[in-house]
Amino acid sequence: MQKIEYSIMALEDLESIKEKISLNNGNNTALKVLRKIIKDIKVLELFPFSGVNLGKLIDVSTDYRYIFIEKNYVFYRVENDKVKIIRIINERQDYIIQLFNN
């Protein structure tokens, strides 16, 4: 079983998601969405390669994979005995710019 680890950016993404949903739909809805995202990410502990290989979809060599949860793309890498969550990006954002334009 893999261990889930969040990057600082992914934690900031979760906080941003919480703030936006709280502002528009209330704190209870925001917490419900965050619980769903975190619960679905935990599935990667057992099935780390279940996400789509991003490198096969774009013209950039990458070992990133992704899953789609609650209107957000969750980008991650499998690293030895852990799954590192890199970013959690809303479907309306350009994920290529967010991931590769540092």
N, C-alpha and C. Protein backbone atom coordinates (compact mmCIF):
# COMPACT_ATOMS: atom_id res chain seq x y z
N MET A 1 0.84 -1.19 0.00
CA MET A 1 0.00 0.00 0.00
C MET A 1 0.89 1.25 0.00
N GLN A 2 0.54 2.18 -0.85
CA GLN A 2 1.28 3.44 -0.99
C GLN A 2 0.84 4.44 0.10
N LYS A 3 1.74 5.33 0.42
CA LYS A 3 1.42 6.42 1.34
C LYS A 3 1.10 7.66 0.50
N ILE A 4 0.08 8.42 0.91
CA ILE A 4 -0.27 9.66 0.20
C ILE A 4 0.50 10.81 0.84
N GLU A 5 1.13 11.62 -0.01
CA GLU A 5 1.84 12.81 0.45
C GLU A 5 1.40 13.99 -0.41
N TYR A 6 1.11 15.12 0.22
CA TYR A 6 0.66 16.32 -0.50
C TYR A 6 1.80 17.32 -0.61
N SER A 7 1.97 17.89 -1.78
CA SER A 7 2.92 18.99 -1.94
C SER A 7 2.34 20.24 -1.29
N ILE A 8 3.16 21.22 -1.06
CA ILE A 8 2.69 22.49 -0.50
C ILE A 8 1.67 23.13 -1.43
N MET A 9 1.93 23.06 -2.73
CA MET A 9 0.98 23.64 -3.70
C MET A 9 -0.36 22.93 -3.65
N ALA A 10 -0.36 21.62 -3.49
CA ALA A 10 -1.62 20.87 -3.42
C ALA A 10 -2.41 21.26 -2.17
N LEU A 11 -1.72 21.45 -1.06
CA LEU A 11 -2.39 21.89 0.17
C LEU A 11 -2.97 23.29 -0.01
N GLU A 12 -2.23 24.15 -0.68
CA GLU A 12 -2.74 25.50 -0.98
C GLU A 12 -3.95 25.42 -1.91
N ASP A 13 -3.90 24.50 -2.87
CA ASP A 13 -5.04 24.31 -3.78
C ASP A 13 -6.29 23.89 -3.00
N LEU A 14 -6.13 22.96 -2.05
CA LEU A 14 -7.26 22.53 -1.24
C LEU A 14 -7.84 23.69 -0.43
N GLU A 15 -6.97 24.49 0.13
CA GLU A 15 -7.43 25.66 0.90
C GLU A 15 -8.18 26.64 0.00
N SER A 16 -7.67 26.85 -1.19
CA SER A 16 -8.32 27.75 -2.14
C SER A 16 -9.70 27.22 -2.55
N ILE A 17 -9.78 25.92 -2.79
CA ILE A 17 -11.07 25.30 -3.14
C ILE A 17 -12.06 25.51 -2.00
N LYS A 18 -11.60 25.28 -0.79
CA LYS A 18 -12.46 25.45 0.39
C LYS A 18 -12.97 26.89 0.49
N GLU A 19 -12.07 27.84 0.32
CA GLU A 19 -12.46 29.26 0.42
C GLU A 19 -13.48 29.64 -0.64
N LYS A 20 -13.24 29.24 -1.88
CA LYS A 20 -14.15 29.59 -2.97
C LYS A 20 -15.53 28.98 -2.78
N ILE A 21 -15.57 27.71 -2.40
CA ILE A 21 -16.86 27.06 -2.21
C ILE A 21 -17.58 27.64 -1.00
N SER A 22 -16.85 27.90 0.07
CA SER A 22 -17.45 28.50 1.27
C SER A 22 -18.09 29.85 0.94
N LEU A 23 -17.39 30.65 0.17
CA LEU A 23 -17.87 31.97 -0.21
C LEU A 23 -19.16 31.88 -1.02
N ASN A 24 -19.19 30.94 -1.96
CA ASN A 24 -20.34 30.83 -2.87
C ASN A 24 -21.48 29.93 -2.36
N ASN A 25 -21.13 28.89 -1.60
CA ASN A 25 -22.13 27.90 -1.24
C ASN A 25 -22.19 27.55 0.25
N GLY A 26 -21.37 28.18 1.05
CA GLY A 26 -21.39 27.92 2.49
C GLY A 26 -20.33 26.93 2.93
N ASN A 27 -20.01 27.00 4.21
CA ASN A 27 -18.95 26.19 4.80
C ASN A 27 -19.28 24.70 4.78
N ASN A 28 -20.54 24.34 5.03
CA ASN A 28 -20.92 22.91 5.03
C ASN A 28 -20.68 22.27 3.67
N THR A 29 -21.05 22.96 2.62
CA THR A 29 -20.83 22.44 1.26
C THR A 29 -19.35 22.32 0.97
N ALA A 30 -18.57 23.32 1.38
CA ALA A 30 -17.12 23.29 1.16
C ALA A 30 -16.49 22.09 1.86
N LEU A 31 -16.88 21.84 3.10
CA LEU A 31 -16.34 20.71 3.84
C LEU A 31 -16.73 19.38 3.21
N LYS A 32 -17.95 19.31 2.70
CA LYS A 32 -18.42 18.08 2.04
C LYS A 32 -17.59 17.81 0.78
N VAL A 33 -17.32 18.85 0.00
CA VAL A 33 -16.52 18.69 -1.23
C VAL A 33 -15.09 18.29 -0.87
N LEU A 34 -14.50 18.93 0.14
CA LEU A 34 -13.13 18.57 0.53
C LEU A 34 -13.05 17.13 1.02
N ARG A 35 -14.02 16.71 1.80
CA ARG A 35 -14.04 15.32 2.26
C ARG A 35 -14.08 14.34 1.08
N LYS A 36 -14.88 14.66 0.08
CA LYS A 36 -15.01 13.82 -1.11
C LYS A 36 -13.67 13.76 -1.87
N ILE A 37 -13.04 14.92 -2.03
CA ILE A 37 -11.75 14.95 -2.74
C ILE A 37 -10.72 14.10 -2.00
N ILE A 38 -10.62 14.30 -0.69
CA ILE A 38 -9.62 13.57 0.10
C ILE A 38 -9.92 12.07 0.12
N LYS A 39 -11.19 11.73 0.23
CA LYS A 39 -11.59 10.31 0.23
C LYS A 39 -11.22 9.65 -1.11
N ASP A 40 -11.49 10.33 -2.21
CA ASP A 40 -11.17 9.76 -3.52
C ASP A 40 -9.66 9.69 -3.76
N ILE A 41 -8.92 10.64 -3.22
CA ILE A 41 -7.46 10.59 -3.33
C ILE A 41 -6.92 9.38 -2.57
N LYS A 42 -7.51 9.06 -1.43
CA LYS A 42 -7.05 7.91 -0.63
C LYS A 42 -7.14 6.59 -1.39
N VAL A 43 -8.00 6.51 -2.39
CA VAL A 43 -8.09 5.30 -3.21
C VAL A 43 -6.76 5.02 -3.89
N LEU A 44 -5.98 6.07 -4.13
CA LEU A 44 -4.68 5.91 -4.78
C LEU A 44 -3.70 5.13 -3.91
N GLU A 45 -3.96 5.03 -2.61
CA GLU A 45 -3.11 4.21 -1.74
C GLU A 45 -3.12 2.76 -2.21
N LEU A 46 -4.27 2.29 -2.62
CA LEU A 46 -4.41 0.91 -3.08
C LEU A 46 -4.21 0.75 -4.58
N PHE A 47 -4.58 1.77 -5.34
CA PHE A 47 -4.52 1.70 -6.81
C PHE A 47 -3.78 2.91 -7.36
N PRO A 48 -2.47 3.02 -7.12
CA PRO A 48 -1.73 4.21 -7.50
C PRO A 48 -1.66 4.48 -9.01
N PHE A 49 -1.82 3.45 -9.81
CA PHE A 49 -1.73 3.64 -11.26
C PHE A 49 -3.11 3.71 -11.93
N SER A 50 -4.14 3.95 -11.13
CA SER A 50 -5.49 3.99 -11.68
C SER A 50 -5.78 5.28 -12.43
N GLY A 51 -5.01 6.32 -12.19
CA GLY A 51 -5.21 7.58 -12.89
C GLY A 51 -4.68 7.53 -14.31
N VAL A 52 -5.10 8.50 -15.09
CA VAL A 52 -4.69 8.61 -16.49
C VAL A 52 -3.25 9.12 -16.56
N ASN A 53 -2.46 8.54 -17.44
CA ASN A 53 -1.08 8.97 -17.65
C ASN A 53 -1.10 10.25 -18.50
N LEU A 54 -0.76 11.37 -17.89
CA LEU A 54 -0.82 12.67 -18.58
C LEU A 54 0.14 12.72 -19.77
N GLY A 55 1.28 12.07 -19.67
CA GLY A 55 2.27 12.09 -20.74
C GLY A 55 1.75 11.53 -22.06
N LYS A 56 0.72 10.69 -22.01
CA LYS A 56 0.15 10.12 -23.23
C LYS A 56 -0.86 11.07 -23.89
N LEU A 57 -1.26 12.12 -23.18
CA LEU A 57 -2.26 13.04 -23.71
C LEU A 57 -1.68 14.35 -24.25
N ILE A 58 -0.49 14.69 -23.80
CA ILE A 58 0.10 15.98 -24.19
C ILE A 58 1.49 15.74 -24.79
N ASP A 59 2.03 16.77 -25.40
CA ASP A 59 3.35 16.66 -26.03
C ASP A 59 4.47 17.06 -25.07
N VAL A 60 4.31 16.76 -23.80
CA VAL A 60 5.32 17.05 -22.80
C VAL A 60 5.66 15.74 -22.09
N SER A 61 6.94 15.44 -21.99
CA SER A 61 7.34 14.23 -21.30
C SER A 61 7.15 14.44 -19.79
N THR A 62 6.32 13.62 -19.19
CA THR A 62 6.04 13.74 -17.76
C THR A 62 5.61 12.41 -17.18
N ASP A 63 5.86 12.25 -15.90
CA ASP A 63 5.39 11.05 -15.22
C ASP A 63 4.14 11.34 -14.39
N TYR A 64 3.53 12.49 -14.62
CA TYR A 64 2.30 12.85 -13.90
C TYR A 64 1.14 11.96 -14.36
N ARG A 65 0.29 11.67 -13.42
CA ARG A 65 -0.98 11.00 -13.68
C ARG A 65 -2.06 11.90 -13.11
N TYR A 66 -3.31 11.65 -13.47
CA TYR A 66 -4.37 12.46 -12.86
C TYR A 66 -5.66 11.66 -12.71
N ILE A 67 -6.45 12.13 -11.75
CA ILE A 67 -7.82 11.67 -11.57
C ILE A 67 -8.69 12.92 -11.53
N PHE A 68 -9.96 12.75 -11.79
CA PHE A 68 -10.90 13.88 -11.83
C PHE A 68 -11.90 13.71 -10.70
N ILE A 69 -11.97 14.72 -9.81
CA ILE A 69 -12.85 14.66 -8.64
C ILE A 69 -13.53 16.01 -8.44
N GLU A 70 -14.84 16.03 -8.35
CA GLU A 70 -15.58 17.25 -7.99
C GLU A 70 -15.13 18.47 -8.79
N LYS A 71 -15.09 18.34 -10.10
CA LYS A 71 -14.73 19.42 -11.02
C LYS A 71 -13.27 19.85 -10.91
N ASN A 72 -12.42 18.97 -10.38
CA ASN A 72 -11.00 19.27 -10.22
C ASN A 72 -10.15 18.12 -10.73
N TYR A 73 -9.05 18.48 -11.37
CA TYR A 73 -8.05 17.51 -11.77
C TYR A 73 -7.04 17.39 -10.63
N VAL A 74 -6.79 16.17 -10.18
CA VAL A 74 -5.80 15.91 -9.15
C VAL A 74 -4.60 15.29 -9.84
N PHE A 75 -3.50 16.04 -9.90
CA PHE A 75 -2.29 15.58 -10.56
C PHE A 75 -1.35 15.00 -9.51
N TYR A 76 -0.76 13.85 -9.85
CA TYR A 76 0.11 13.18 -8.89
C TYR A 76 1.20 12.39 -9.61
N ARG A 77 2.19 11.98 -8.83
CA ARG A 77 3.26 11.10 -9.30
C ARG A 77 3.38 9.93 -8.34
N VAL A 78 3.69 8.77 -8.87
CA VAL A 78 3.98 7.61 -8.04
C VAL A 78 5.49 7.59 -7.84
N GLU A 79 5.91 7.67 -6.58
CA GLU A 79 7.34 7.73 -6.24
C GLU A 79 7.65 6.62 -5.24
N ASN A 80 8.24 5.54 -5.72
CA ASN A 80 8.59 4.40 -4.87
C ASN A 80 7.41 3.94 -4.02
N ASP A 81 7.42 4.24 -2.72
CA ASP A 81 6.37 3.75 -1.83
C ASP A 81 5.34 4.82 -1.49
N LYS A 82 5.28 5.90 -2.29
CA LYS A 82 4.30 6.94 -2.00
C LYS A 82 3.67 7.49 -3.27
N VAL A 83 2.52 8.09 -3.09
CA VAL A 83 1.83 8.83 -4.15
C VAL A 83 1.90 10.29 -3.74
N LYS A 84 2.58 11.09 -4.54
CA LYS A 84 2.75 12.50 -4.22
C LYS A 84 1.72 13.31 -5.01
N ILE A 85 0.82 13.96 -4.27
CA ILE A 85 -0.18 14.81 -4.90
C ILE A 85 0.51 16.14 -5.20
N ILE A 86 0.57 16.48 -6.49
CA ILE A 86 1.31 17.66 -6.94
C ILE A 86 0.43 18.90 -6.94
N ARG A 87 -0.71 18.82 -7.59
CA ARG A 87 -1.63 19.96 -7.70
C ARG A 87 -3.05 19.45 -7.78
N ILE A 88 -3.99 20.32 -7.40
CA ILE A 88 -5.42 20.06 -7.54
C ILE A 88 -5.97 21.30 -8.24
N ILE A 89 -6.31 21.14 -9.52
CA ILE A 89 -6.61 22.29 -10.39
C ILE A 89 -8.04 22.19 -10.91
N ASN A 90 -8.77 23.27 -10.79
CA ASN A 90 -10.16 23.33 -11.25
C ASN A 90 -10.23 23.10 -12.76
N GLU A 91 -11.30 22.45 -13.18
CA GLU A 91 -11.49 22.13 -14.59
C GLU A 91 -11.51 23.35 -15.50
N ARG A 92 -11.83 24.53 -14.97
CA ARG A 92 -11.89 25.74 -15.79
C ARG A 92 -10.53 26.40 -15.98
N GLN A 93 -9.53 25.95 -15.23
CA GLN A 93 -8.20 26.52 -15.37
C GLN A 93 -7.40 25.75 -16.41
N ASP A 94 -6.40 26.39 -16.97
CA ASP A 94 -5.51 25.75 -17.92
C ASP A 94 -4.46 24.97 -17.13
N TYR A 95 -4.65 23.67 -17.01
CA TYR A 95 -3.75 22.88 -16.17
C TYR A 95 -2.33 22.81 -16.72
N ILE A 96 -2.15 22.93 -18.02
CA ILE A 96 -0.81 22.91 -18.61
C ILE A 96 0.00 24.09 -18.08
N ILE A 97 -0.59 25.26 -18.09
CA ILE A 97 0.10 26.46 -17.57
C ILE A 97 0.35 26.30 -16.07
N GLN A 98 -0.65 25.81 -15.35
CA GLN A 98 -0.51 25.66 -13.89
C GLN A 98 0.59 24.64 -13.54
N LEU A 99 0.71 23.58 -14.29
CA LEU A 99 1.68 22.53 -13.97
C LEU A 99 3.10 22.83 -14.45
N PHE A 100 3.22 23.40 -15.64
CA PHE A 100 4.53 23.47 -16.27
C PHE A 100 5.08 24.88 -16.44
N ASN A 101 4.35 25.89 -16.05
CA ASN A 101 4.80 27.27 -16.23
C ASN A 101 5.13 27.87 -14.87
N ASN A 102 6.22 27.42 -14.27
CA ASN A 102 6.61 27.90 -12.94
C ASN A 102 7.30 29.22 -13.04
